[in-house]
Amino acid sequence: MRRLVIAASLVLIATGAVAQPKAGTSTMQLDTDHAVVTVTLGGAKGRFALVAGAMQYDPAKPEQSTIALSLDTTSLDADSARSAFDSKNFPEMRIITVAPGNPGSGGEALPTQVTVREITRPVVLHVSFKSASSQVIALHAEGILKSGDYKLGGKGGDIALVIDAPFIRVSPTTPLP
């Protein structure tokens, strides 16, 4: 778990997802205890037990929110999914927004970069946000990855990625002098 948290922190720093937030945005941290992230490939469904991430959420323009997630492939609960992702050699999957999304009815089309097996490809996530309370935003995202793009162990076809995750507002920290 420590490796995952460190990796997620580095991903967030490198992508600017935790850079100075724009006016009106909130810094949100993934509620790892209640997040459900699944992949379905070759008829098998796997759930990630270890996930980390953060989001800069703009309630006025949710399509301009930024998201960064780190998923531990060794924590997948399905043997076939761990094998396809070659989790022993590639223990991390990353999802990072790369541009503002396009607002649409019922959700946003959010451009992301998804890294699997150290191969990064563009993927559009269809995202919706729901305010669960003044401190919690629930994210639902779905996207399709092409298994051939990531050389996933002979698995052909599409990989369905589904993210259902609450994000908790965090207080901004005071910069060091």
Protein backbone atom coordinates (compact mmCIF):
# COMPACT_ATOMS: atom_id res chain seq x y z
CA MET A 1 0.00 0.00 0.00
CA ARG A 2 2.86 2.37 0.77
CA ARG A 3 4.17 1.92 -2.80
CA LEU A 4 0.73 2.79 -4.18
CA VAL A 5 0.36 5.93 -2.07
CA ILE A 6 3.84 7.14 -3.04
CA ALA A 7 3.17 6.41 -6.70
CA ALA A 8 -0.17 8.22 -6.58
CA SER A 9 1.45 11.24 -4.94
CA LEU A 10 4.11 11.36 -7.64
CA VAL A 11 1.50 11.04 -10.37
CA LEU A 12 -0.53 13.87 -8.89
CA ILE A 13 2.48 16.14 -8.54
CA ALA A 14 3.75 15.38 -12.03
CA THR A 15 0.39 16.07 -13.65
CA GLY A 16 -0.30 19.26 -11.76
CA ALA A 17 -3.50 17.79 -10.34
CA VAL A 18 -2.45 19.05 -6.93
CA ALA A 19 -0.95 22.29 -8.17
CA GLN A 20 -2.42 25.56 -6.99
CA PRO A 21 -6.16 25.13 -7.48
CA LYS A 22 -8.04 27.56 -9.69
CA ALA A 23 -10.49 29.91 -8.00
CA GLY A 24 -13.74 28.12 -7.24
CA THR A 25 -12.25 24.63 -7.30
CA SER A 26 -11.96 22.24 -4.41
CA THR A 27 -9.16 19.80 -3.73
CA MET A 28 -10.68 16.37 -3.17
CA GLN A 29 -9.08 13.11 -2.02
CA LEU A 30 -10.35 9.70 -3.06
CA ASP A 31 -12.18 7.89 -0.27
CA THR A 32 -10.29 4.62 -0.70
CA ASP A 33 -12.55 2.74 1.73
CA HIS A 34 -15.63 3.31 -0.41
CA ALA A 35 -14.24 3.47 -3.95
CA VAL A 36 -15.19 0.70 -6.35
CA VAL A 37 -13.06 0.40 -9.48
CA THR A 38 -13.64 -2.56 -11.78
CA VAL A 39 -12.40 -3.85 -15.12
CA THR A 40 -14.14 -6.43 -17.27
CA LEU A 41 -12.09 -8.26 -19.88
CA GLY A 42 -12.63 -11.50 -21.67
CA GLY A 43 -15.81 -12.13 -19.69
CA ALA A 44 -14.00 -11.84 -16.35
CA LYS A 45 -14.65 -8.98 -13.96
CA GLY A 46 -11.99 -7.83 -11.51
CA ARG A 47 -12.15 -5.28 -8.73
CA PHE A 48 -9.15 -3.26 -7.54
CA ALA A 49 -8.77 -3.50 -3.75
CA LEU A 50 -6.06 -0.82 -3.56
CA VAL A 51 -6.69 2.56 -5.18
CA ALA A 52 -5.46 6.10 -4.54
CA GLY A 53 -6.24 9.42 -6.13
CA ALA A 54 -7.19 13.06 -6.01
CA MET A 55 -9.33 15.50 -7.92
CA GLN A 56 -9.59 19.24 -8.42
CA TYR A 57 -13.36 19.73 -8.67
CA ASP A 58 -15.01 22.80 -10.15
CA PRO A 59 -18.75 22.74 -9.38
CA ALA A 60 -19.44 25.59 -11.85
CA LYS A 61 -17.57 23.80 -14.66
CA PRO A 62 -17.30 20.10 -13.76
CA GLU A 63 -15.95 19.33 -17.24
CA GLN A 64 -12.81 21.27 -16.26
CA SER A 65 -12.17 19.16 -13.17
CA THR A 66 -8.93 17.18 -13.09
CA ILE A 67 -8.58 13.62 -11.85
CA ALA A 68 -5.55 11.44 -11.13
CA LEU A 69 -5.87 7.82 -10.00
CA SER A 70 -3.37 5.08 -9.24
CA LEU A 71 -4.68 1.50 -9.21
CA ASP A 72 -2.69 -1.43 -7.83
CA THR A 73 -3.05 -4.27 -10.37
CA THR A 74 -1.73 -6.79 -7.82
CA SER A 75 -4.86 -6.08 -5.78
CA LEU A 76 -7.27 -7.25 -8.50
CA ASP A 77 -9.54 -9.91 -7.03
CA ALA A 78 -9.72 -12.03 -10.21
CA ASP A 79 -6.74 -14.23 -11.09
CA SER A 80 -7.42 -13.87 -14.83
CA ALA A 81 -7.37 -10.06 -14.58
CA ARG A 82 -4.11 -10.06 -12.57
CA SER A 83 -2.61 -12.37 -15.16
CA ALA A 84 -3.79 -10.28 -18.13
CA PHE A 85 -2.39 -7.10 -16.55
CA ASP A 86 0.87 -8.96 -15.71
CA SER A 87 0.62 -7.48 -12.24
CA LYS A 88 3.90 -9.01 -11.04
CA ASN A 89 5.83 -6.95 -13.59
CA PHE A 90 3.44 -3.99 -13.93
CA PRO A 91 1.82 -3.35 -10.55
CA GLU A 92 0.32 0.05 -11.33
CA MET A 93 -2.37 1.37 -13.66
CA ARG A 94 -2.70 5.17 -13.90
CA ILE A 95 -5.57 7.37 -15.05
CA ILE A 96 -4.95 11.10 -15.51
CA THR A 97 -7.08 13.79 -17.12
CA VAL A 98 -5.27 15.65 -19.87
CA ALA A 99 -7.70 18.32 -21.06
CA PRO A 100 -11.03 19.91 -20.21
CA GLY A 101 -13.96 17.71 -21.04
CA ASN A 102 -16.99 18.35 -23.17
CA PRO A 103 -20.18 18.93 -21.22
CA GLY A 104 -23.11 16.81 -22.27
CA SER A 105 -26.51 15.81 -21.10
CA GLY A 106 -26.07 13.54 -18.13
CA GLY A 107 -22.32 13.81 -17.86
CA GLU A 108 -18.97 14.94 -19.20
CA ALA A 109 -16.72 13.35 -21.81
CA LEU A 110 -13.37 13.71 -20.06
CA PRO A 111 -10.14 13.10 -22.04
CA THR A 112 -7.66 11.03 -20.03
CA GLN A 113 -4.40 9.19 -20.44
CA VAL A 114 -4.55 5.61 -19.17
CA THR A 115 -1.29 3.78 -18.47
CA VAL A 116 -1.29 -0.02 -18.32
CA ARG A 117 1.91 -2.10 -18.51
CA GLU A 118 3.83 1.20 -18.92
CA ILE A 119 1.92 1.86 -22.17
CA THR A 120 -0.04 5.12 -22.21
CA ARG A 121 -3.00 5.67 -24.51
CA PRO A 122 -5.78 8.27 -24.72
CA VAL A 123 -9.17 7.18 -23.40
CA VAL A 124 -12.33 9.23 -23.08
CA LEU A 125 -14.11 8.65 -19.78
CA HIS A 126 -17.80 9.42 -19.55
CA VAL A 127 -18.05 11.04 -16.16
CA SER A 128 -20.85 12.29 -13.93
CA PHE A 129 -20.55 14.02 -10.59
CA LYS A 130 -23.08 14.07 -7.77
CA SER A 131 -22.86 16.14 -4.64
CA ALA A 132 -23.40 13.70 -1.77
CA SER A 133 -22.86 16.42 0.85
CA SER A 134 -21.00 19.71 1.21
CA GLN A 135 -17.79 17.72 1.73
CA VAL A 136 -18.27 14.73 -0.60
CA ILE A 137 -18.57 14.50 -4.39
CA ALA A 138 -19.46 11.11 -5.87
CA LEU A 139 -17.83 10.34 -9.20
CA HIS A 140 -19.12 7.79 -11.68
CA ALA A 141 -16.95 7.16 -14.74
CA GLU A 142 -17.01 4.61 -17.53
CA GLY A 143 -14.62 4.05 -20.37
CA ILE A 144 -13.48 1.45 -22.86
CA LEU A 145 -9.85 0.44 -23.27
CA LYS A 146 -8.68 -1.62 -26.23
CA SER A 147 -6.77 -4.64 -24.88
CA GLY A 148 -4.55 -4.73 -27.98
CA ASP A 149 -3.38 -1.17 -27.23
CA TYR A 150 -1.88 -2.43 -23.96
CA LYS A 151 -0.69 -5.90 -25.07
CA LEU A 152 -2.78 -7.62 -22.43
CA GLY A 153 -1.78 -11.26 -22.37
CA GLY A 154 -3.63 -12.53 -25.43
CA LYS A 155 -6.92 -11.01 -24.30
CA GLY A 156 -8.74 -9.55 -27.26
CA GLY A 157 -11.50 -7.03 -27.48
CA ASP A 158 -12.50 -4.25 -25.18
CA ILE A 159 -11.89 -3.72 -21.50
CA ALA A 160 -14.71 -1.99 -19.66
CA LEU A 161 -13.47 0.31 -16.90
CA VAL A 162 -15.98 1.51 -14.30
CA ILE A 163 -15.20 3.86 -11.44
CA ASP A 164 -17.66 4.61 -8.63
CA ALA A 165 -15.84 6.66 -6.07
CA PRO A 166 -16.52 9.30 -3.48
CA PHE A 167 -14.02 12.14 -3.14
CA ILE A 168 -13.71 14.04 0.13
CA ARG A 169 -12.92 17.74 0.25
CA VAL A 170 -9.58 18.43 1.92
CA SER A 171 -8.51 21.68 3.52
CA PRO A 172 -5.84 23.60 1.69
CA THR A 173 -2.53 23.56 3.44
CA THR A 174 -0.63 26.66 4.35
CA PRO A 175 2.46 27.04 2.16
CA LEU A 176 5.79 26.81 3.90
CA PRO A 177 7.64 30.12 4.29
